[in-house]
Amino acid sequence: MTKGVGVGYVTVSAKIPRRLKELLDRYGIKPGPIIRRALEEEVRRRVLSELEERARELSERLSHISDEEVASLIREDRERR
C-alpha cells in the first residue's frame, strides 16, 4: 500500500481465541504486521478482481470493433499530437 509522509493510521481490532493469543505471546509473534499484510493482500485481490471484471465488460462492449479500426483510431490520435 502507500507509504510515506502524510499517511494516517487507524486502529482495527479483532477478537481471537485465547489459545491463539497465548501462542502468539509464547512465540513472540507481533500480530500487527501480520494482520496488516493479510488485509493489504485481501484488498489487492479484491481490487484485481474488480479490475478484471471491468476489463471483461469493456472487452464485451468493444468486441464489435475490428483490429483495423482500432489501428486506424490509434494512428489518427497520434497524428493529432
Protein backbone atom coordinates (compact mmCIF):
# COMPACT_ATOMS: atom_id res chain seq x y z
CA MET A 1 0.00 0.00 0.00
CA THR A 2 1.00 3.62 0.27
CA LYS A 3 4.00 4.51 2.42
CA GLY A 4 5.40 7.92 3.13
CA VAL A 5 4.73 11.31 4.59
CA GLY A 6 1.17 12.15 5.50
CA VAL A 7 -0.05 8.57 5.85
CA GLY A 8 -2.54 8.36 8.69
CA TYR A 9 -3.33 5.23 10.63
CA VAL A 10 -6.44 3.90 12.34
CA THR A 11 -6.77 1.08 14.81
CA VAL A 12 -8.60 -2.07 13.79
CA SER A 13 -9.30 -4.69 16.42
CA ALA A 14 -10.32 -8.33 16.22
CA LYS A 15 -11.31 -10.93 18.76
CA ILE A 16 -9.21 -14.10 18.61
CA PRO A 17 -9.36 -17.28 20.66
CA ARG A 18 -7.47 -17.06 23.95
CA ARG A 19 -5.29 -20.04 22.96
CA LEU A 20 -4.17 -18.26 19.79
CA LYS A 21 -3.19 -15.20 21.85
CA GLU A 22 -1.23 -17.42 24.21
CA LEU A 23 0.64 -18.96 21.28
CA LEU A 24 1.36 -15.54 19.78
CA ASP A 25 2.87 -14.49 23.10
CA ARG A 26 4.77 -17.75 23.50
CA TYR A 27 6.44 -17.41 20.11
CA GLY A 28 6.90 -13.66 20.30
CA ILE A 29 4.71 -13.04 17.28
CA LYS A 30 3.53 -9.46 16.85
CA PRO A 31 0.10 -9.63 15.21
CA GLY A 32 0.10 -6.07 13.80
CA PRO A 33 2.42 -6.64 10.82
CA ILE A 34 0.80 -9.98 10.00
CA ILE A 35 -2.72 -8.54 10.12
CA ARG A 36 -1.62 -5.54 8.07
CA ARG A 37 -0.11 -7.76 5.34
CA ALA A 38 -3.17 -10.01 5.28
CA LEU A 39 -5.52 -7.06 4.93
CA GLU A 40 -3.37 -5.44 2.23
CA GLU A 41 -3.28 -8.72 0.28
CA GLU A 42 -7.04 -9.18 0.54
CA VAL A 43 -7.62 -5.61 -0.68
CA ARG A 44 -5.21 -6.25 -3.60
CA ARG A 45 -7.14 -9.41 -4.53
CA ARG A 46 -10.45 -7.57 -4.42
CA VAL A 47 -9.16 -4.62 -6.48
CA LEU A 48 -7.68 -7.00 -9.06
CA SER A 49 -10.94 -8.96 -9.23
CA GLU A 50 -12.89 -5.74 -9.76
CA LEU A 51 -10.49 -4.58 -12.49
CA GLU A 52 -10.69 -7.96 -14.22
CA GLU A 53 -14.49 -7.75 -14.24
CA ARG A 54 -14.41 -4.21 -15.62
CA ALA A 55 -11.92 -5.30 -18.31
CA ARG A 56 -14.22 -8.21 -19.24
CA GLU A 57 -17.18 -5.85 -19.52
CA LEU A 58 -15.20 -3.40 -21.67
CA SER A 59 -13.95 -6.22 -23.85
CA GLU A 60 -17.52 -7.34 -24.49
CA ARG A 61 -18.64 -3.80 -25.29
CA LEU A 62 -15.70 -3.24 -27.66
CA SER A 63 -15.66 -6.67 -29.30
CA HIS A 64 -17.53 -5.39 -32.36
CA ILE A 65 -14.65 -3.03 -33.27
CA SER A 66 -12.19 -4.63 -35.71
CA ASP A 67 -8.41 -4.63 -35.23
CA GLU A 68 -8.08 -2.48 -38.35
CA GLU A 69 -10.44 0.13 -36.94
CA VAL A 70 -8.51 0.20 -33.66
CA ALA A 71 -5.23 0.66 -35.55
CA SER A 72 -6.80 3.45 -37.58
CA LEU A 73 -8.06 5.23 -34.46
CA ILE A 74 -4.61 4.97 -32.85
CA ARG A 75 -2.96 6.39 -35.97
CA GLU A 76 -5.41 9.28 -36.07
CA ASP A 77 -4.78 10.05 -32.42
CA ARG A 78 -1.01 10.02 -32.91
CA GLU A 79 -1.24 12.32 -35.92
CA ARG A 80 -3.23 14.86 -33.88
CA ARG A 81 -0.45 15.18 -31.30
